[in-house]
C-alpha atoms as a PDB file:
ATOM      1  CA  MET A   1      84.211  99.167 121.729  1.00  0.00           C
ATOM      2  CA  PHE A   2      86.155 102.283 120.749  1.00  0.00           C
ATOM      3  CA  LEU A   3      89.950 102.457 120.114  1.00  0.00           C
ATOM      4  CA  PRO A   4      90.636 106.119 119.326  1.00  0.00           C
ATOM      5  CA  ALA A   5      94.465 105.897 119.355  1.00  0.00           C
ATOM      6  CA  LEU A   6      95.011 102.514 117.636  1.00  0.00           C
ATOM      7  CA  ARG A   7      97.101 102.823 114.457  1.00  0.00           C
ATOM      8  CA  SER A   8      97.967  99.173 113.649  1.00  0.00           C
ATOM      9  CA  LEU A   9      95.569  96.224 113.707  1.00  0.00           C
ATOM     10  CA  SER A  10      95.942  92.548 112.718  1.00  0.00           C
ATOM     11  CA  LEU A  11      92.891  90.298 112.496  1.00  0.00           C
ATOM     12  CA  MET A  12      93.867  86.638 112.223  1.00  0.00           C
ATOM     13  CA  VAL A  13      90.546  85.009 113.119  1.00  0.00           C
ATOM     14  CA  ALA A  14      87.404  84.399 111.106  1.00  0.00           C
ATOM     15  CA  LEU A  15      84.572  86.780 111.936  1.00  0.00           C
ATOM     16  CA  ASP A  16      81.413  87.644 110.100  1.00  0.00           C
ATOM     17  CA  LEU A  17      81.343  90.755 107.947  1.00  0.00           C
ATOM     18  CA  TYR A  18      79.343  92.767 110.480  1.00  0.00           C
ATOM     19  CA  LEU A  19      81.918  92.229 113.254  1.00  0.00           C
ATOM     20  CA  TYR A  20      84.816  93.037 110.912  1.00  0.00           C
ATOM     21  CA  ARG A  21      83.255  96.352 110.003  1.00  0.00           C
ATOM     22  CA  GLN A  22      82.417  97.144 113.629  1.00  0.00           C
ATOM     23  CA  ILE A  23      86.018  96.597 114.716  1.00  0.00           C
ATOM     24  CA  ILE A  24      87.516  98.614 111.844  1.00  0.00           C
ATOM     25  CA  HIS A  25      85.116 101.523 112.338  1.00  0.00           C
ATOM     26  CA  ALA A  26      86.022 101.583 116.042  1.00  0.00           C
ATOM     27  CA  CYS A  27      89.558 102.650 115.055  1.00  0.00           C
ATOM     28  CA  PRO A  28      89.233 106.158 113.536  1.00  0.00           C
ATOM     29  CA  VAL A  29      92.989 106.819 113.131  1.00  0.00           C
ATOM     30  CA  LEU A  30      93.934 103.308 111.941  1.00  0.00           C
ATOM     31  CA  GLU A  31      96.872 103.351 109.470  1.00  0.00           C
ATOM     32  CA  GLU A  32      97.864  99.679 109.087  1.00  0.00           C
ATOM     33  CA  LEU A  33      95.380  96.818 108.735  1.00  0.00           C
ATOM     34  CA  THR A  34      96.136  93.118 108.215  1.00  0.00           C
ATOM     35  CA  ILE A  35      93.312  90.625 107.624  1.00  0.00           C
ATOM     36  CA  ARG A  36      93.971  86.903 107.323  1.00  0.00           C
ATOM     37  CA  ASP A  37      90.803  84.906 106.778  1.00  0.00           C
ATOM     38  CA  GLY A  38      90.187  81.430 108.128  1.00  0.00           C
ATOM     39  CA  GLU A  39      91.323  78.480 106.065  1.00  0.00           C
ATOM     40  CA  VAL A  40      88.823  76.858 103.696  1.00  0.00           C
ATOM     41  CA  PRO A  41      86.781  74.724 104.221  1.00  0.00           C
ATOM     42  CA  ASP A  42      87.334  74.303 107.967  1.00  0.00           C
ATOM     43  CA  VAL A  43      86.171  77.845 108.634  1.00  0.00           C
ATOM     44  CA  LEU A  44      83.729  79.022 105.982  1.00  0.00           C
ATOM     45  CA  SER A  45      83.968  82.753 106.680  1.00  0.00           C
ATOM     46  CA  ILE A  46      85.926  84.318 103.843  1.00  0.00           C
ATOM     47  CA  CYS A  47      84.568  87.797 104.217  1.00  0.00           C
ATOM     48  CA  GLY A  48      86.924  90.027 106.207  1.00  0.00           C
ATOM     49  CA  GLY A  49      88.858  91.227 103.196  1.00  0.00           C
ATOM     50  CA  THR A  50      85.872  91.636 100.920  1.00  0.00           C
ATOM     51  CA  VAL A  51      84.724  95.015 102.234  1.00  0.00           C
ATOM     52  CA  VAL A  52      87.228  97.564 103.534  1.00  0.00           C
ATOM     53  CA  GLU A  53      86.045 101.159 103.870  1.00  0.00           C
ATOM     54  CA  HIS A  54      88.188 103.477 105.956  1.00  0.00           C
ATOM     55  CA  ALA A  55      89.470 107.020 105.539  1.00  0.00           C
ATOM     56  CA  SER A  56      92.860 106.828 107.275  1.00  0.00           C
ATOM     57  CA  ILE A  57      94.277 103.376 106.350  1.00  0.00           C
ATOM     58  CA  LYS A  58      97.644 103.711 104.581  1.00  0.00           C
ATOM     59  CA  ARG A  59      98.764 100.063 104.419  1.00  0.00           C
ATOM     60  CA  LEU A  60      96.374  97.160 103.819  1.00  0.00           C
ATOM     61  CA  VAL A  61      97.311  93.452 103.814  1.00  0.00           C
ATOM     62  CA  ILE A  62      94.663  90.853 102.937  1.00  0.00           C
ATOM     63  CA  VAL A  63      95.382  87.120 102.806  1.00  0.00           C
ATOM     64  CA  THR A  64      92.854  84.406 101.953  1.00  0.00           C
ATOM     65  CA  PRO A  65      94.674  81.060 102.201  1.00  0.00           C
ATOM     66  CA  LEU A  66      93.589  77.885 100.465  1.00  0.00           C
ATOM     67  CA  PRO A  67      95.641  74.931 101.752  1.00  0.00           C
ATOM     68  CA  ASP A  68      96.468  71.848  99.721  1.00  0.00           C
ATOM     69  CA  GLY A  69      93.817  69.147  99.878  1.00  0.00           C
ATOM     70  CA  THR A  70      90.907  71.577  99.992  1.00  0.00           C
ATOM     71  CA  ASP A  71      87.529  70.330  98.786  1.00  0.00           C
ATOM     72  CA  TYR A  72      87.280  72.618  95.777  1.00  0.00           C
ATOM     73  CA  ASN A  73      83.620  71.778  95.086  1.00  0.00           C
ATOM     74  CA  LEU A  74      82.657  72.834  98.591  1.00  0.00           C
ATOM     75  CA  SER A  75      84.832  75.939  98.476  1.00  0.00           C
ATOM     76  CA  THR A  76      83.521  77.003  95.076  1.00  0.00           C
ATOM     77  CA  TYR A  77      79.940  76.598  96.275  1.00  0.00           C
ATOM     78  CA  TYR A  78      80.702  78.786  99.265  1.00  0.00           C
ATOM     79  CA  PHE A  79      82.281  81.516  97.149  1.00  0.00           C
ATOM     80  CA  GLU A  80      79.399  81.505  94.701  1.00  0.00           C
ATOM     81  CA  SER A  81      76.719  81.601  97.375  1.00  0.00           C
ATOM     82  CA  SER A  82      78.172  84.060  99.877  1.00  0.00           C
ATOM     83  CA  ARG A  83      80.752  86.538  98.540  1.00  0.00           C
ATOM     84  CA  GLN A  84      80.660  87.684  94.952  1.00  0.00           C
ATOM     85  CA  THR A  85      81.764  91.300  95.359  1.00  0.00           C
ATOM     86  CA  VAL A  86      84.887  92.886  96.830  1.00  0.00           C
ATOM     87  CA  ARG A  87      84.623  96.563  97.779  1.00  0.00           C
ATOM     88  CA  PHE A  88      87.505  98.876  98.711  1.00  0.00           C
ATOM     89  CA  ARG A  89      87.138 102.545  99.613  1.00  0.00           C
ATOM     90  CA  ALA A  90      90.346 103.892 101.170  1.00  0.00           C
ATOM     91  CA  PRO A  91      91.385 107.397 100.040  1.00  0.00           C
ATOM     92  CA  SER A  92      94.596 107.403 102.121  1.00  0.00           C
ATOM     93  CA  LEU A  93      95.818 103.945 101.036  1.00  0.00           C
ATOM     94  CA  VAL A  94      99.450 103.971  99.870  1.00  0.00           C
ATOM     95  CA  CYS A  95     100.399 100.268  99.905  1.00  0.00           C
ATOM     96  CA  LEU A  96      98.160  97.272  99.110  1.00  0.00           C
ATOM     97  CA  ASP A  97      99.245  93.639  99.601  1.00  0.00           C
ATOM     98  CA  TYR A  98      96.395  91.443  98.336  1.00  0.00           C
ATOM     99  CA  SER A  99      96.552  87.636  98.202  1.00  0.00           C
ATOM    100  CA  SER A 100      93.223  86.003  97.415  1.00  0.00           C
ATOM    101  CA  PHE A 101      90.979  84.565  94.743  1.00  0.00           C
ATOM    102  CA  VAL A 102      89.372  86.386  91.870  1.00  0.00           C
ATOM    103  CA  PHE A 103      85.870  87.339  92.902  1.00  0.00           C
ATOM    104  CA  LYS A 104      83.072  88.055  90.465  1.00  0.00           C
ATOM    105  CA  GLU A 105      83.106  91.822  90.855  1.00  0.00           C
ATOM    106  CA  TYR A 106      85.359  94.507  92.322  1.00  0.00           C
ATOM    107  CA  GLN A 107      84.103  97.908  93.424  1.00  0.00           C
ATOM    108  CA  VAL A 108      87.157 100.081  93.960  1.00  0.00           C
ATOM    109  CA  ASP A 109      86.818 103.764  94.852  1.00  0.00           C
ATOM    110  CA  ASP A 110      89.083 106.495  96.184  1.00  0.00           C
ATOM    111  CA  LEU A 111      92.464 104.813  95.686  1.00  0.00           C
ATOM    112  CA  ASP A 112      94.138 107.894  94.241  1.00  0.00           C
ATOM    113  CA  SER A 113      96.905 107.769  96.882  1.00  0.00           C
ATOM    114  CA  LEU A 114      97.927 104.174  96.058  1.00  0.00           C
ATOM    115  CA  VAL A 115     101.617 103.981  95.118  1.00  0.00           C
ATOM    116  CA  GLU A 116     102.557 100.312  95.543  1.00  0.00           C
ATOM    117  CA  ALA A 117     100.513  97.134  95.036  1.00  0.00           C
ATOM    118  CA  ARG A 118     101.430  93.483  95.586  1.00  0.00           C
ATOM    119  CA  LEU A 119      98.977  91.104  93.894  1.00  0.00           C
ATOM    120  CA  SER A 120      98.818  87.333  94.255  1.00  0.00           C
ATOM    121  CA  LEU A 121      95.576  86.208  92.607  1.00  0.00           C
ATOM    122  CA  LYS A 122      94.121  82.786  91.863  1.00  0.00           C
ATOM    123  CA  LEU A 123      91.260  81.862  89.596  1.00  0.00           C
ATOM    124  CA  TRP A 124      87.759  80.847  90.595  1.00  0.00           C
ATOM    125  CA  TRP A 125      85.879  82.516  87.755  1.00  0.00           C
ATOM    126  CA  THR A 126      86.210  85.369  85.268  1.00  0.00           C
ATOM    127  CA  PRO A 127      85.830  88.763  86.942  1.00  0.00           C
ATOM    128  CA  MET A 128      83.590  91.481  85.564  1.00  0.00           C
ATOM    129  CA  SER A 129      86.312  94.068  85.052  1.00  0.00           C
ATOM    130  CA  LEU A 130      89.779  95.205  86.081  1.00  0.00           C
ATOM    131  CA  THR A 131      90.363  98.684  87.479  1.00  0.00           C
ATOM    132  CA  VAL A 132      93.769 100.118  88.345  1.00  0.00           C
ATOM    133  CA  ALA A 133      94.587 103.176  90.427  1.00  0.00           C
ATOM    134  CA  ASP A 134      95.980 106.023  88.321  1.00  0.00           C
ATOM    135  CA  GLY A 135      98.833 106.847  90.705  1.00  0.00           C
ATOM    136  CA  LEU A 136     100.190 103.301  91.042  1.00  0.00           C
ATOM    137  CA  THR A 137     103.963 103.393  90.479  1.00  0.00           C
ATOM    138  CA  THR A 138     105.175 100.007  91.784  1.00  0.00           C
ATOM    139  CA  LEU A 139     103.381  96.748  90.945  1.00  0.00           C
ATOM    140  CA  HIS A 140     104.365  93.289  92.276  1.00  0.00           C
ATOM    141  CA  LEU A 141     102.805  90.327  90.442  1.00  0.00           C
ATOM    142  CA  SER A 142     102.909  86.601  91.226  1.00  0.00           C
ATOM    143  CA  PRO A 143     102.757  83.948  88.442  1.00  0.00           C
ATOM    144  CA  ASP A 144      99.172  83.164  89.429  1.00  0.00           C
ATOM    145  CA  SER A 145      98.277  86.835  88.976  1.00  0.00           C
ATOM    146  CA  LEU A 146      99.708  86.833  85.458  1.00  0.00           C
ATOM    147  CA  GLU A 147      97.692  83.707  84.720  1.00  0.00           C
ATOM    148  CA  VAL A 148      94.561  85.496  85.943  1.00  0.00           C
ATOM    149  CA  PHE A 149      95.280  88.368  83.542  1.00  0.00           C
ATOM    150  CA  HIS A 150      95.706  85.893  80.692  1.00  0.00           C
ATOM    151  CA  PHE A 151      92.347  84.201  81.213  1.00  0.00           C
ATOM    152  CA  CYS A 152      90.304  87.156  82.422  1.00  0.00           C
ATOM    153  CA  CYS A 153      91.453  90.198  80.477  1.00  0.00           C
ATOM    154  CA  LYS A 154      90.893  90.624  76.759  1.00  0.00           C
ATOM    155  CA  SER A 155      92.592  93.978  77.156  1.00  0.00           C
ATOM    156  CA  MET A 156      94.587  95.592  79.943  1.00  0.00           C
ATOM    157  CA  PRO A 157      93.957  99.067  81.333  1.00  0.00           C
ATOM    158  CA  CYS A 158      96.802 101.526  80.893  1.00  0.00           C
ATOM    159  CA  LEU A 159      99.064 101.254  83.951  1.00  0.00           C
ATOM    160  CA  CYS A 160     101.031 104.225  85.265  1.00  0.00           C
ATOM    161  CA  SER A 161     103.530 101.882  86.954  1.00  0.00           C
ATOM    162  CA  THR A 162     107.171 102.811  86.516  1.00  0.00           C
ATOM    163  CA  THR A 163     108.404  99.719  88.399  1.00  0.00           C
ATOM    164  CA  LEU A 164     107.204  96.161  87.719  1.00  0.00           C
ATOM    165  CA  LEU A 165     108.372  93.222  89.859  1.00  0.00           C
ATOM    166  CA  LEU A 166     107.605  89.687  88.665  1.00  0.00           C
ATOM    167  CA  TYR A 167     108.069  86.704  90.958  1.00  0.00           C
ATOM    168  CA  PRO A 168     109.160  83.177  89.944  1.00  0.00           C
ATOM    169  CA  ILE A 169     107.424  81.999  86.775  1.00  0.00           C
ATOM    170  CA  GLU A 170     107.783  78.241  86.668  1.00  0.00           C
ATOM    171  CA  SER A 171     107.869  76.156  83.501  1.00  0.00           C
ATOM    172  CA  ASN A 172     104.300  74.948  84.078  1.00  0.00           C
ATOM    173  CA  LYS A 173     102.990  78.519  84.099  1.00  0.00           C
ATOM    174  CA  GLN A 174     102.947  78.918  80.316  1.00  0.00           C
ATOM    175  CA  LYS A 175      99.961  81.249  80.390  1.00  0.00           C
ATOM    176  CA  SER A 176     101.893  83.593  82.675  1.00  0.00           C
ATOM    177  CA  TRP A 177     104.530  84.098  79.979  1.00  0.00           C
ATOM    178  CA  GLN A 178     101.919  84.479  77.241  1.00  0.00           C
ATOM    179  CA  VAL A 179     100.405  87.530  78.935  1.00  0.00           C
ATOM    180  CA  MET A 180     103.766  89.329  79.206  1.00  0.00           C
ATOM    181  CA  PRO A 181     103.449  91.227  75.886  1.00  0.00           C
ATOM    182  CA  LEU A 182      99.996  92.481  76.897  1.00  0.00           C
ATOM    183  CA  LEU A 183     101.277  93.507  80.321  1.00  0.00           C
ATOM    184  CA  LEU A 184     104.329  95.369  79.006  1.00  0.00           C
ATOM    185  CA  LYS A 185     102.306  97.222  76.378  1.00  0.00           C
ATOM    186  CA  SER A 186      99.966  98.387  79.125  1.00  0.00           C
ATOM    187  CA  CYS A 187     102.878 100.048  80.980  1.00  0.00           C
ATOM    188  CA  PRO A 188     104.044 102.866  78.668  1.00  0.00           C
ATOM    189  CA  ASN A 189     105.900 104.586  81.529  1.00  0.00           C
ATOM    190  CA  LEU A 190     107.716 101.473  82.707  1.00  0.00           C
ATOM    191  CA  GLN A 191     111.347 102.207  83.588  1.00  0.00           C
ATOM    192  CA  THR A 192     112.300  99.354  85.931  1.00  0.00           C
ATOM    193  CA  LEU A 193     111.604  95.661  85.254  1.00  0.00           C
ATOM    194  CA  VAL A 194     112.620  93.120  87.900  1.00  0.00           C
ATOM    195  CA  PHE A 195     112.473  89.320  87.706  1.00  0.00           C
ATOM    196  CA  LYS A 196     112.766  88.067  91.270  1.00  0.00           C
ATOM    197  CA  LYS A 197     114.363  84.780  92.308  1.00  0.00           C
ATOM    198  CA  LYS A 198     114.903  81.693  90.251  1.00  0.00           C
ATOM    199  CA  ARG A 199     112.934  80.889  87.145  1.00  0.00           C
ATOM    200  CA  LYS A 200     113.094  77.366  85.705  1.00  0.00           C
ATOM    201  CA  ARG A 201     113.001  76.842  81.954  1.00  0.00           C
ATOM    202  CA  ILE A 202     112.077  80.180  80.519  1.00  0.00           C
ATOM    203  CA  LYS A 203     109.590  80.635  77.732  1.00  0.00           C
ATOM    204  CA  LYS A 204     110.613  83.146  75.104  1.00  0.00           C
ATOM    205  CA  MET A 205     108.174  85.925  74.403  1.00  0.00           C
ATOM    206  CA  LYS A 206     106.477  86.231  71.059  1.00  0.00           C
ATOM    207  CA  GLU A 207     108.712  86.736  68.050  1.00  0.00           C
ATOM    208  CA  VAL A 208     106.905  89.973  67.269  1.00  0.00           C
ATOM    209  CA  CYS A 209     108.711  91.495  70.170  1.00  0.00           C
ATOM    210  CA  CYS A 210     106.863  93.693  72.642  1.00  0.00           C
ATOM    211  CA  LEU A 211     110.205  94.848  74.051  1.00  0.00           C
ATOM    212  CA  GLN A 212     110.948  97.084  71.081  1.00  0.00           C
ATOM    213  CA  THR A 213     108.429  99.663  72.280  1.00  0.00           C
ATOM    214  CA  CYS A 214     109.342  99.216  75.946  1.00  0.00           C
ATOM    215  CA  ARG A 215     111.136 102.194  77.558  1.00  0.00           C
ATOM    216  CA  VAL A 216     112.749 100.199  80.382  1.00  0.00           C
ATOM    217  CA  LYS A 217     115.977 101.758  81.661  1.00  0.00           C
ATOM    218  CA  LEU A 218     116.748  99.305  84.476  1.00  0.00           C
ATOM    219  CA  LEU A 219     116.423  95.520  84.128  1.00  0.00           C
ATOM    220  CA  GLU A 220     117.187  93.283  87.115  1.00  0.00           C
ATOM    221  CA  ILE A 221     117.304  89.484  87.026  1.00  0.00           C
ATOM    222  CA  SER A 222     117.893  87.538  90.241  1.00  0.00           C
ATOM    223  CA  ASP A 223     119.345  84.066  90.786  1.00  0.00           C
ATOM    224  CA  TYR A 224     120.723  83.815  87.258  1.00  0.00           C
ATOM    225  CA  GLY A 225     122.258  80.396  86.530  1.00  0.00           C
ATOM    226  CA  GLY A 226     123.629  80.852  83.022  1.00  0.00           C
ATOM    227  CA  TYR A 227     121.670  77.970  81.501  1.00  0.00           C
ATOM    228  CA  PHE A 228     121.250  77.999  77.726  1.00  0.00           C
ATOM    229  CA  GLN A 229     117.608  79.141  77.894  1.00  0.00           C
ATOM    230  CA  GLU A 230     118.458  81.830  80.449  1.00  0.00           C
ATOM    231  CA  LEU A 231     121.310  83.133  78.303  1.00  0.00           C
ATOM    232  CA  LYS A 232     119.011  83.109  75.275  1.00  0.00           C
ATOM    233  CA  GLN A 233     116.448  85.179  77.131  1.00  0.00           C
ATOM    234  CA  MET A 234     119.131  87.567  78.367  1.00  0.00           C
ATOM    235  CA  SER A 235     120.236  88.058  74.768  1.00  0.00           C
ATOM    236  CA  HIS A 236     116.597  88.666  73.791  1.00  0.00           C
ATOM    237  CA  PHE A 237     116.340  91.496  76.318  1.00  0.00           C
ATOM    238  CA  LEU A 238     119.633  93.109  75.309  1.00  0.00           C
ATOM    239  CA  ASP A 239     118.781  92.840  71.601  1.00  0.00           C
ATOM    240  CA  ASN A 240     115.467  94.675  71.975  1.00  0.00           C
ATOM    241  CA  LEU A 241     115.570  97.137  74.884  1.00  0.00           C
ATOM    242  CA  GLU A 242     116.917 100.216  73.140  1.00  0.00           C
ATOM    243  CA  CYS A 243     116.534 102.511  76.188  1.00  0.00           C
ATOM    244  CA  LEU A 244     118.231 100.142  78.629  1.00  0.00           C
ATOM    245  CA  GLU A 245     120.867 101.872  80.747  1.00  0.00           C
ATOM    246  CA  THR A 246     121.574  99.316  83.483  1.00  0.00           C
ATOM    247  CA  LEU A 247     121.330  95.528  83.622  1.00  0.00           C
ATOM    248  CA  LYS A 248     121.694  94.075  87.129  1.00  0.00           C
ATOM    249  CA  VAL A 249     122.323  90.343  87.300  1.00  0.00           C
ATOM    250  CA  GLY A 250     122.277  88.312  90.503  1.00  0.00           C
ATOM    251  CA  VAL A 251     124.344  85.196  89.794  1.00  0.00           C
ATOM    252  CA  ASN A 252     123.346  81.906  91.390  1.00  0.00           C
ATOM    253  CA  PRO A 253     126.087  81.205  94.002  1.00  0.00           C
ATOM    254  CA  ASP A 254     126.133  77.506  93.025  1.00  0.00           C
ATOM    255  CA  LYS A 255     127.397  78.337  89.529  1.00  0.00           C
ATOM    256  CA  ASN A 256     130.847  79.179  88.193  1.00  0.00           C
ATOM    257  CA  SER A 257     130.310  82.915  88.499  1.00  0.00           C
ATOM    258  CA  GLU A 258     133.310  83.910  86.362  1.00  0.00           C
ATOM    259  CA  PHE A 259     132.158  81.741  83.438  1.00  0.00           C
ATOM    260  CA  VAL A 260     128.557  82.972  83.763  1.00  0.00           C
ATOM    261  CA  ARG A 261     129.677  86.612  83.878  1.00  0.00           C
ATOM    262  CA  ASP A 262     131.878  86.239  80.803  1.00  0.00           C
ATOM    263  CA  ASP A 263     128.947  84.818  78.812  1.00  0.00           C
ATOM    264  CA  VAL A 264     126.709  87.735  79.774  1.00  0.00           C
ATOM    265  CA  MET A 265     129.369  90.368  79.090  1.00  0.00           C
ATOM    266  CA  ALA A 266     129.935  88.913  75.593  1.00  0.00           C
ATOM    267  CA  LEU A 267     126.306  89.478  74.550  1.00  0.00           C
ATOM    268  CA  PRO A 268     125.662  92.307  72.053  1.00  0.00           C
ATOM    269  CA  ARG A 269     123.532  95.225  73.267  1.00  0.00           C
ATOM    270  CA  LEU A 270     121.136  97.379  71.288  1.00  0.00           C
ATOM    271  CA  SER A 271     121.559 100.271  73.709  1.00  0.00           C
ATOM    272  CA  SER A 272     124.961 101.909  73.616  1.00  0.00           C
ATOM    273  CA  LYS A 273     124.317 103.281  77.127  1.00  0.00           C
ATOM    274  CA  CYS A 274     123.797  99.867  78.692  1.00  0.00           C
ATOM    275  CA  THR A 275     126.145  98.871  81.506  1.00  0.00           C
ATOM    276  CA  ILE A 276     126.068  95.486  83.240  1.00  0.00           C
ATOM    277  CA  GLN A 277     126.374  95.080  86.997  1.00  0.00           C
ATOM    278  CA  PHE A 278     126.635  91.779  88.877  1.00  0.00           C
ATOM    279  CA  ILE A 279     124.999  91.817  92.265  1.00  0.00           C
END
């Protein structure tokens, strides 16, 4: 098999590692690759996204689903016995969307072109190390990914990201909030911080505030409801982000938007340049 002109490929079936690599190598100009492994434990072949080596791929999407009701003992045994290492070598990769479990070891080479990464990680065990591409400017993190950082990383590598997008952190994800100071300190160039969609009861960050050294200029909070804890957190941001220039607030349509807006506008701001926009 040889597909010399194919630029986009989606693999939605479980194959062994040898067949995956044969198919990918048969596409020399491939630019977009999506791999969705079979569901555990019905199809025990979680291998397609563990080794990706290709010179021309620019966008890579890898999804390893684990449905509710999975036999975790069986799944864990499979992970431990068959796939302990993930290896990426993609010098042209610009965008990575990776949703999977934390494997024991990651071998990541030639990702100097990577600009945007979307990570949704879940724990199986503690990984050996965490490596981040130097040119990464936009980083999307799920609550599970933050929890992985909390349990697996005693220290964070310095991130070059200028934009950080965090997805809903629920009240039961306490560890996700606890890693926030570590994450923000690891992003000295961070200029845009975005909290996407609705958060339930919000945990306040440590009193020794990591925001005071944060150079964020744009803060965006979506689905804001104006609850007491949300207002308290909003005040916490405005009291400590001295470089903040723009606060964008998406107001929950179910709330009295005029009342919610008045409460936000009345909050004191450390930055004299800060303007508030409702979106």
